[in-house]
Amino acid sequence: MECIERNCSLIVSVVRGHDRAVSRDILDLLFPYDRNVDCFTVSESKICVETKLDQETLRALFTRFPIRNILSARYIVLSEELKTGLEESLKNLCIRAAAKGLRFRKVSVKLKSQDGWRQEYYEQVRRYLLGCANGEGIASIEKVSCKLVLTVRLI
C-alpha cells in the first residue's frame, strides 16, 4: 500500500461497499462546522477524515446525527511515522502516550502479521502503557497508511 501524506484526524470503519455513501454523509455533517473537511478511502471499509474539529465536538455531532453503515469512528490522539520499523515505532508511540498522561480503560491492538506485528509485542505494549490505565475511553493502536496511530473510540 502506498503512503498517503495527509493529516487524518478521524478513522471511520464502515460496512464494506458503503465507503462512498458514508464519505458523502460525513462531509454533509461536518461541512457547516469545518469548511476544509475532507474524506478519503484508505481501504474497502476504512475512511480517513481530515478535520479541525476536536474530539468532543465530533463525538457530539456523530451522536446527535447518526450516519447509517458506520461501524465505528475513532479519533486519532497520537501518530508515529513507521520509518524505523514497527517495534521501535510502537515503543515510541506508547512512551509518548504515557508521557502525555493519557488514560484508557482498555487498549486494543489492530495490527496484522503482514504489518510486522508479532505476539511478543503484547508484553511491551502492556509495560509501556501501564501508566495509561484507569481511564474511561477505549483506545486502539492501528496502522493507517505509513503511520502507526493511537485512537480513541468516539462511537
N, C-alpha and C. Protein backbone atom coordinates (compact mmCIF):
# COMPACT_ATOMS: atom_id res chain seq x y z
N MET A 1 0.84 -1.19 0.00
CA MET A 1 0.00 0.00 0.00
C MET A 1 0.88 1.24 0.00
N GLU A 2 0.52 2.20 -0.78
CA GLU A 2 1.29 3.43 -0.87
C GLU A 2 1.04 4.31 0.34
N CYS A 3 1.98 5.18 0.62
CA CYS A 3 1.84 6.10 1.74
C CYS A 3 1.03 7.31 1.30
N ILE A 4 0.06 7.65 2.12
CA ILE A 4 -0.76 8.83 1.85
C ILE A 4 -0.32 9.91 2.81
N GLU A 5 0.22 10.99 2.27
CA GLU A 5 0.75 12.07 3.09
C GLU A 5 -0.33 13.10 3.40
N ARG A 6 -1.33 12.71 4.16
CA ARG A 6 -2.39 13.62 4.56
C ARG A 6 -2.57 13.51 6.05
N ASN A 7 -3.15 14.52 6.65
CA ASN A 7 -3.34 14.55 8.10
C ASN A 7 -4.72 14.06 8.47
N CYS A 8 -4.82 12.79 8.64
CA CYS A 8 -6.07 12.17 9.04
C CYS A 8 -6.28 12.39 10.54
N SER A 9 -7.45 12.89 10.93
CA SER A 9 -7.72 13.08 12.35
C SER A 9 -8.82 12.19 12.87
N LEU A 10 -9.49 11.48 11.97
CA LEU A 10 -10.58 10.60 12.36
C LEU A 10 -10.58 9.39 11.42
N ILE A 11 -10.70 8.19 11.99
CA ILE A 11 -10.79 6.97 11.21
C ILE A 11 -12.20 6.43 11.40
N VAL A 12 -12.87 6.17 10.29
CA VAL A 12 -14.24 5.66 10.33
C VAL A 12 -14.27 4.30 9.65
N SER A 13 -14.71 3.28 10.38
CA SER A 13 -14.89 1.95 9.80
C SER A 13 -16.33 1.84 9.34
N VAL A 14 -16.51 1.36 8.12
CA VAL A 14 -17.84 1.30 7.52
C VAL A 14 -18.13 -0.11 7.03
N VAL A 15 -19.41 -0.38 6.78
CA VAL A 15 -19.81 -1.64 6.18
C VAL A 15 -19.20 -1.69 4.78
N ARG A 16 -18.62 -2.82 4.43
CA ARG A 16 -17.93 -2.97 3.14
C ARG A 16 -18.85 -2.59 1.98
N GLY A 17 -18.33 -1.76 1.09
CA GLY A 17 -19.08 -1.33 -0.09
C GLY A 17 -19.86 -0.04 0.10
N HIS A 18 -19.86 0.51 1.29
CA HIS A 18 -20.62 1.73 1.56
C HIS A 18 -19.72 2.94 1.81
N ASP A 19 -18.44 2.84 1.46
CA ASP A 19 -17.50 3.91 1.77
C ASP A 19 -17.83 5.22 1.07
N ARG A 20 -18.27 5.18 -0.17
CA ARG A 20 -18.59 6.43 -0.88
C ARG A 20 -19.80 7.13 -0.28
N ALA A 21 -20.85 6.40 0.02
CA ALA A 21 -22.06 6.99 0.60
C ALA A 21 -21.77 7.54 1.99
N VAL A 22 -21.02 6.81 2.79
CA VAL A 22 -20.69 7.28 4.14
C VAL A 22 -19.78 8.51 4.07
N SER A 23 -18.83 8.53 3.15
CA SER A 23 -17.96 9.70 2.97
C SER A 23 -18.79 10.94 2.65
N ARG A 24 -19.74 10.79 1.75
CA ARG A 24 -20.62 11.91 1.38
C ARG A 24 -21.43 12.38 2.60
N ASP A 25 -21.97 11.44 3.38
CA ASP A 25 -22.75 11.81 4.56
C ASP A 25 -21.89 12.50 5.63
N ILE A 26 -20.65 12.04 5.79
CA ILE A 26 -19.74 12.67 6.75
C ILE A 26 -19.43 14.10 6.32
N LEU A 27 -19.16 14.29 5.03
CA LEU A 27 -18.89 15.64 4.53
C LEU A 27 -20.11 16.55 4.74
N ASP A 28 -21.31 16.02 4.49
CA ASP A 28 -22.54 16.80 4.71
C ASP A 28 -22.70 17.18 6.17
N LEU A 29 -22.36 16.26 7.07
CA LEU A 29 -22.49 16.52 8.50
C LEU A 29 -21.48 17.55 9.01
N LEU A 30 -20.23 17.44 8.59
CA LEU A 30 -19.16 18.26 9.16
C LEU A 30 -18.92 19.59 8.45
N PHE A 31 -19.33 19.71 7.19
CA PHE A 31 -19.04 20.92 6.42
C PHE A 31 -19.53 22.22 7.07
N PRO A 32 -20.73 22.26 7.67
CA PRO A 32 -21.15 23.52 8.31
C PRO A 32 -20.24 23.96 9.47
N TYR A 33 -19.50 23.03 10.05
CA TYR A 33 -18.64 23.32 11.20
C TYR A 33 -17.18 23.46 10.81
N ASP A 34 -16.79 22.86 9.69
CA ASP A 34 -15.41 22.92 9.21
C ASP A 34 -15.44 22.92 7.68
N ARG A 35 -15.21 24.05 7.08
CA ARG A 35 -15.32 24.18 5.62
C ARG A 35 -14.16 23.51 4.88
N ASN A 36 -13.12 23.11 5.60
CA ASN A 36 -11.97 22.44 4.98
C ASN A 36 -11.99 20.93 5.19
N VAL A 37 -13.09 20.38 5.65
CA VAL A 37 -13.18 18.94 5.91
C VAL A 37 -12.99 18.17 4.61
N ASP A 38 -12.33 17.01 4.70
CA ASP A 38 -12.11 16.17 3.53
C ASP A 38 -12.10 14.71 3.97
N CYS A 39 -12.53 13.83 3.10
CA CYS A 39 -12.54 12.38 3.35
C CYS A 39 -11.78 11.67 2.24
N PHE A 40 -11.10 10.60 2.59
CA PHE A 40 -10.50 9.75 1.58
C PHE A 40 -10.52 8.31 2.08
N THR A 41 -10.68 7.39 1.13
CA THR A 41 -10.76 5.97 1.46
C THR A 41 -9.37 5.39 1.58
N VAL A 42 -9.12 4.68 2.69
CA VAL A 42 -7.83 4.04 2.92
C VAL A 42 -7.90 2.57 2.50
N SER A 43 -9.02 1.92 2.78
CA SER A 43 -9.25 0.54 2.34
C SER A 43 -10.74 0.39 2.04
N GLU A 44 -11.18 -0.81 1.70
CA GLU A 44 -12.57 -1.03 1.32
C GLU A 44 -13.55 -0.61 2.42
N SER A 45 -13.12 -0.72 3.66
CA SER A 45 -14.06 -0.43 4.74
C SER A 45 -13.51 0.57 5.75
N LYS A 46 -12.52 1.37 5.35
CA LYS A 46 -11.92 2.34 6.26
C LYS A 46 -11.77 3.68 5.57
N ILE A 47 -12.30 4.73 6.22
CA ILE A 47 -12.25 6.10 5.69
C ILE A 47 -11.47 6.97 6.66
N CYS A 48 -10.61 7.82 6.13
CA CYS A 48 -9.92 8.82 6.95
C CYS A 48 -10.57 10.17 6.69
N VAL A 49 -10.74 10.91 7.77
CA VAL A 49 -11.37 12.23 7.69
C VAL A 49 -10.37 13.27 8.18
N GLU A 50 -10.15 14.29 7.35
CA GLU A 50 -9.32 15.43 7.74
C GLU A 50 -10.26 16.53 8.22
N THR A 51 -10.10 16.92 9.48
CA THR A 51 -10.94 17.98 10.03
C THR A 51 -10.20 18.70 11.15
N LYS A 52 -10.60 19.92 11.41
CA LYS A 52 -10.01 20.71 12.50
C LYS A 52 -10.85 20.61 13.77
N LEU A 53 -11.99 19.92 13.70
CA LEU A 53 -12.86 19.81 14.86
C LEU A 53 -12.22 18.93 15.93
N ASP A 54 -12.49 19.26 17.20
CA ASP A 54 -11.90 18.49 18.29
C ASP A 54 -12.72 17.24 18.59
N GLN A 55 -12.16 16.43 19.46
CA GLN A 55 -12.74 15.13 19.79
C GLN A 55 -14.16 15.24 20.35
N GLU A 56 -14.39 16.14 21.26
CA GLU A 56 -15.71 16.27 21.88
C GLU A 56 -16.76 16.79 20.91
N THR A 57 -16.38 17.72 20.04
CA THR A 57 -17.32 18.22 19.04
C THR A 57 -17.71 17.11 18.08
N LEU A 58 -16.73 16.32 17.64
CA LEU A 58 -17.02 15.21 16.74
C LEU A 58 -17.92 14.17 17.40
N ARG A 59 -17.63 13.86 18.66
CA ARG A 59 -18.47 12.90 19.39
C ARG A 59 -19.91 13.40 19.47
N ALA A 60 -20.08 14.68 19.79
CA ALA A 60 -21.43 15.24 19.89
C ALA A 60 -22.16 15.20 18.55
N LEU A 61 -21.47 15.54 17.48
CA LEU A 61 -22.11 15.54 16.16
C LEU A 61 -22.49 14.13 15.71
N PHE A 62 -21.59 13.18 15.86
CA PHE A 62 -21.88 11.81 15.42
C PHE A 62 -22.93 11.14 16.30
N THR A 63 -23.02 11.56 17.56
CA THR A 63 -24.05 11.01 18.44
C THR A 63 -25.41 11.62 18.13
N ARG A 64 -25.43 12.93 17.89
CA ARG A 64 -26.69 13.62 17.62
C ARG A 64 -27.25 13.31 16.24
N PHE A 65 -26.36 13.14 15.26
CA PHE A 65 -26.77 12.87 13.88
C PHE A 65 -26.13 11.57 13.39
N PRO A 66 -26.70 10.42 13.76
CA PRO A 66 -26.09 9.14 13.35
C PRO A 66 -26.11 8.94 11.84
N ILE A 67 -25.08 8.30 11.33
CA ILE A 67 -24.95 8.02 9.90
C ILE A 67 -25.02 6.51 9.71
N ARG A 68 -25.86 6.09 8.78
CA ARG A 68 -26.00 4.65 8.51
C ARG A 68 -24.72 4.06 7.97
N ASN A 69 -24.52 2.78 8.28
CA ASN A 69 -23.40 1.97 7.78
C ASN A 69 -22.05 2.30 8.39
N ILE A 70 -22.03 3.10 9.46
CA ILE A 70 -20.79 3.32 10.20
C ILE A 70 -20.70 2.26 11.30
N LEU A 71 -19.58 1.55 11.32
CA LEU A 71 -19.36 0.55 12.36
C LEU A 71 -18.72 1.18 13.60
N SER A 72 -17.75 2.07 13.37
CA SER A 72 -17.12 2.79 14.48
C SER A 72 -16.41 4.03 13.94
N ALA A 73 -16.20 4.99 14.82
CA ALA A 73 -15.43 6.19 14.49
C ALA A 73 -14.41 6.38 15.61
N ARG A 74 -13.14 6.55 15.22
CA ARG A 74 -12.06 6.66 16.19
C ARG A 74 -11.24 7.92 15.92
N TYR A 75 -11.04 8.72 16.97
CA TYR A 75 -10.29 9.97 16.88
C TYR A 75 -8.80 9.68 17.09
N ILE A 76 -7.95 10.20 16.22
CA ILE A 76 -6.51 9.98 16.33
C ILE A 76 -5.93 10.93 17.37
N VAL A 77 -5.37 10.34 18.42
CA VAL A 77 -4.77 11.12 19.51
C VAL A 77 -3.28 11.36 19.24
N LEU A 78 -2.58 10.31 18.83
CA LEU A 78 -1.15 10.38 18.54
C LEU A 78 -0.85 9.58 17.29
N SER A 79 0.19 9.97 16.58
CA SER A 79 0.65 9.18 15.43
C SER A 79 2.17 9.14 15.42
N GLU A 80 2.69 8.08 14.82
CA GLU A 80 4.13 7.87 14.75
C GLU A 80 4.46 7.33 13.36
N GLU A 81 5.41 7.98 12.69
CA GLU A 81 5.83 7.51 11.36
C GLU A 81 6.47 6.12 11.48
N LEU A 82 6.19 5.28 10.52
CA LEU A 82 6.76 3.92 10.50
C LEU A 82 8.06 3.90 9.70
N LYS A 83 9.03 4.70 10.11
CA LYS A 83 10.30 4.77 9.38
C LYS A 83 11.33 3.81 9.96
N THR A 84 11.27 3.58 11.27
CA THR A 84 12.29 2.77 11.93
C THR A 84 11.86 1.32 12.12
N GLY A 85 10.68 0.96 11.68
CA GLY A 85 10.19 -0.39 11.89
C GLY A 85 9.08 -0.39 12.93
N LEU A 86 8.29 -1.43 12.93
CA LEU A 86 7.12 -1.49 13.79
C LEU A 86 7.48 -1.49 15.27
N GLU A 87 8.46 -2.29 15.67
CA GLU A 87 8.80 -2.40 17.09
C GLU A 87 9.21 -1.06 17.68
N GLU A 88 10.10 -0.34 17.01
CA GLU A 88 10.57 0.96 17.51
C GLU A 88 9.45 2.00 17.48
N SER A 89 8.65 2.01 16.43
CA SER A 89 7.53 2.95 16.33
C SER A 89 6.49 2.69 17.41
N LEU A 90 6.22 1.41 17.67
CA LEU A 90 5.28 1.03 18.72
C LEU A 90 5.77 1.50 20.09
N LYS A 91 7.04 1.30 20.35
CA LYS A 91 7.64 1.75 21.61
C LYS A 91 7.51 3.26 21.75
N ASN A 92 7.88 4.01 20.71
CA ASN A 92 7.81 5.48 20.76
C ASN A 92 6.38 5.97 20.98
N LEU A 93 5.43 5.35 20.29
CA LEU A 93 4.02 5.74 20.42
C LEU A 93 3.53 5.52 21.85
N CYS A 94 3.83 4.37 22.42
CA CYS A 94 3.39 4.05 23.79
C CYS A 94 4.04 4.96 24.82
N ILE A 95 5.32 5.23 24.66
CA ILE A 95 6.03 6.12 25.60
C ILE A 95 5.46 7.53 25.53
N ARG A 96 5.17 8.02 24.32
CA ARG A 96 4.58 9.36 24.17
C ARG A 96 3.19 9.43 24.80
N ALA A 97 2.40 8.36 24.68
CA ALA A 97 1.06 8.33 25.28
C ALA A 97 1.15 8.41 26.79
N ALA A 98 2.06 7.65 27.37
CA ALA A 98 2.24 7.67 28.83
C ALA A 98 2.76 9.03 29.29
N ALA A 99 3.69 9.62 28.53
CA ALA A 99 4.25 10.91 28.90
C ALA A 99 3.20 12.03 28.86
N LYS A 100 2.24 11.91 27.94
CA LYS A 100 1.17 12.92 27.84
C LYS A 100 0.12 12.76 28.92
N GLY A 101 0.19 11.65 29.67
CA GLY A 101 -0.78 11.41 30.72
C GLY A 101 -2.13 10.93 30.22
N LEU A 102 -2.16 10.33 29.04
CA LEU A 102 -3.42 9.81 28.50
C LEU A 102 -3.88 8.62 29.33
N ARG A 103 -5.18 8.51 29.54
CA ARG A 103 -5.75 7.43 30.35
C ARG A 103 -6.80 6.67 29.56
N PHE A 104 -6.78 5.33 29.65
CA PHE A 104 -7.72 4.48 28.94
C PHE A 104 -8.21 3.38 29.85
N ARG A 105 -9.41 2.90 29.56
CA ARG A 105 -9.95 1.73 30.27
C ARG A 105 -9.43 0.46 29.60
N LYS A 106 -9.31 0.51 28.27
CA LYS A 106 -8.90 -0.66 27.51
C LYS A 106 -8.14 -0.20 26.26
N VAL A 107 -7.10 -0.94 25.90
CA VAL A 107 -6.35 -0.66 24.68
C VAL A 107 -6.31 -1.94 23.85
N SER A 108 -6.77 -1.85 22.61
CA SER A 108 -6.69 -3.00 21.71
C SER A 108 -5.68 -2.71 20.61
N VAL A 109 -5.08 -3.77 20.10
CA VAL A 109 -4.08 -3.64 19.04
C VAL A 109 -4.69 -4.21 17.77
N LYS A 110 -4.82 -3.35 16.74
CA LYS A 110 -5.42 -3.75 15.47
C LYS A 110 -4.34 -3.81 14.39
N LEU A 111 -3.34 -4.63 14.62
CA LEU A 111 -2.25 -4.80 13.66
C LEU A 111 -2.22 -6.25 13.20
N LYS A 112 -1.75 -6.46 11.99
CA LYS A 112 -1.70 -7.80 11.41
C LYS A 112 -0.25 -8.24 11.26
N SER A 113 -0.07 -9.51 11.05
CA SER A 113 1.29 -10.03 10.89
C SER A 113 1.95 -9.44 9.64
N GLN A 114 1.18 -9.14 8.60
CA GLN A 114 1.79 -8.54 7.42
C GLN A 114 2.25 -7.10 7.67
N ASP A 115 1.75 -6.47 8.76
CA ASP A 115 2.24 -5.15 9.17
C ASP A 115 3.54 -5.27 9.96
N GLY A 116 3.91 -6.50 10.33
CA GLY A 116 5.11 -6.72 11.14
C GLY A 116 4.79 -7.03 12.58
N TRP A 117 3.52 -7.21 12.90
CA TRP A 117 3.12 -7.48 14.29
C TRP A 117 3.52 -8.90 14.70
N ARG A 118 4.06 -9.00 15.92
CA ARG A 118 4.39 -10.30 16.49
C ARG A 118 3.78 -10.38 17.88
N GLN A 119 3.43 -11.57 18.30
CA GLN A 119 2.77 -11.80 19.58
C GLN A 119 3.61 -11.29 20.75
N GLU A 120 4.92 -11.31 20.62
CA GLU A 120 5.81 -10.87 21.72
C GLU A 120 5.63 -9.38 22.05
N TYR A 121 5.10 -8.61 21.11
CA TYR A 121 4.95 -7.18 21.33
C TYR A 121 3.89 -6.85 22.37
N TYR A 122 2.96 -7.77 22.63
CA TYR A 122 1.90 -7.50 23.61
C TYR A 122 2.48 -7.14 24.98
N GLU A 123 3.50 -7.86 25.41
CA GLU A 123 4.11 -7.59 26.72
C GLU A 123 4.74 -6.20 26.74
N GLN A 124 5.39 -5.81 25.65
CA GLN A 124 5.99 -4.47 25.57
C GLN A 124 4.92 -3.39 25.63
N VAL A 125 3.84 -3.58 24.87
CA VAL A 125 2.75 -2.60 24.87
C VAL A 125 2.17 -2.47 26.27
N ARG A 126 1.93 -3.60 26.93
CA ARG A 126 1.38 -3.58 28.28
C ARG A 126 2.31 -2.84 29.25
N ARG A 127 3.60 -3.11 29.15
CA ARG A 127 4.57 -2.47 30.03
C ARG A 127 4.64 -0.96 29.79
N TYR A 128 4.69 -0.56 28.53
CA TYR A 128 4.80 0.87 28.21
C TYR A 128 3.54 1.65 28.55
N LEU A 129 2.37 1.01 28.42
CA LEU A 129 1.11 1.70 28.66
C LEU A 129 0.57 1.51 30.08
N LEU A 130 1.38 0.96 30.96
CA LEU A 130 0.95 0.73 32.34
C LEU A 130 0.51 2.03 33.01
N GLY A 131 1.17 3.12 32.70
CA GLY A 131 0.82 4.42 33.26
C GLY A 131 -0.46 5.01 32.67
N CYS A 132 -1.01 4.40 31.66
CA CYS A 132 -2.21 4.90 31.00
C CYS A 132 -3.48 4.20 31.48
N ALA A 133 -3.37 3.36 32.50
CA ALA A 133 -4.52 2.59 32.99
C ALA A 133 -5.48 3.47 33.79
N ASN A 134 -6.62 2.93 34.10
CA ASN A 134 -7.65 3.57 34.96
C ASN A 134 -8.31 4.78 34.33
N GLY A 135 -8.45 4.78 33.02
CA GLY A 135 -9.17 5.85 32.35
C GLY A 135 -10.57 5.41 31.99
N GLU A 136 -11.22 6.16 31.13
CA GLU A 136 -12.59 5.83 30.74
C GLU A 136 -12.72 5.40 29.29
N GLY A 137 -11.87 5.89 28.41
CA GLY A 137 -12.03 5.63 26.99
C GLY A 137 -11.49 4.29 26.56
N ILE A 138 -11.87 3.90 25.34
CA ILE A 138 -11.36 2.68 24.71
C ILE A 138 -10.44 3.12 23.59
N ALA A 139 -9.18 2.70 23.68
CA ALA A 139 -8.16 3.11 22.70
C ALA A 139 -7.78 1.93 21.81
N SER A 140 -7.22 2.26 20.66
CA SER A 140 -6.72 1.25 19.72
C SER A 140 -5.40 1.72 19.15
N ILE A 141 -4.54 0.76 18.88
CA ILE A 141 -3.30 1.04 18.14
C ILE A 141 -3.47 0.36 16.80
N GLU A 142 -3.34 1.13 15.73
CA GLU A 142 -3.54 0.58 14.39
C GLU A 142 -2.64 1.27 13.38
N LYS A 143 -2.55 0.68 12.19
CA LYS A 143 -1.74 1.25 11.12
C LYS A 143 -2.67 1.89 10.10
N VAL A 144 -2.36 3.14 9.75
CA VAL A 144 -3.10 3.85 8.71
C VAL A 144 -2.06 4.40 7.75
N SER A 145 -2.09 3.90 6.53
CA SER A 145 -1.12 4.26 5.51
C SER A 145 0.27 3.91 6.03
N CYS A 146 1.15 4.87 6.21
CA CYS A 146 2.51 4.61 6.70
C CYS A 146 2.72 5.13 8.11
N LYS A 147 1.63 5.21 8.87
CA LYS A 147 1.71 5.71 10.24
C LYS A 147 1.10 4.70 11.20
N LEU A 148 1.66 4.68 12.39
CA LEU A 148 1.10 3.93 13.49
C LEU A 148 0.34 4.95 14.33
N VAL A 149 -0.94 4.70 14.61
CA VAL A 149 -1.76 5.69 15.30
C VAL A 149 -2.39 5.12 16.57
N LEU A 150 -2.56 5.98 17.54
CA LEU A 150 -3.29 5.67 18.77
C LEU A 150 -4.61 6.41 18.67
N THR A 151 -5.70 5.67 18.69
CA THR A 151 -7.03 6.27 18.51
C THR A 151 -7.88 6.05 19.74
N VAL A 152 -8.87 6.93 19.92
CA VAL A 152 -9.86 6.80 20.98
C VAL A 152 -11.22 6.68 20.32
N ARG A 153 -12.01 5.73 20.75
CA ARG A 153 -13.31 5.47 20.14
C ARG A 153 -14.30 6.59 20.47
N LEU A 154 -14.94 7.12 19.41
CA LEU A 154 -15.99 8.13 19.58
C LEU A 154 -17.36 7.46 19.63
N ILE A 155 -17.63 6.62 18.64
CA ILE A 155 -18.91 5.89 18.59
C ILE A 155 -18.64 4.45 18.18
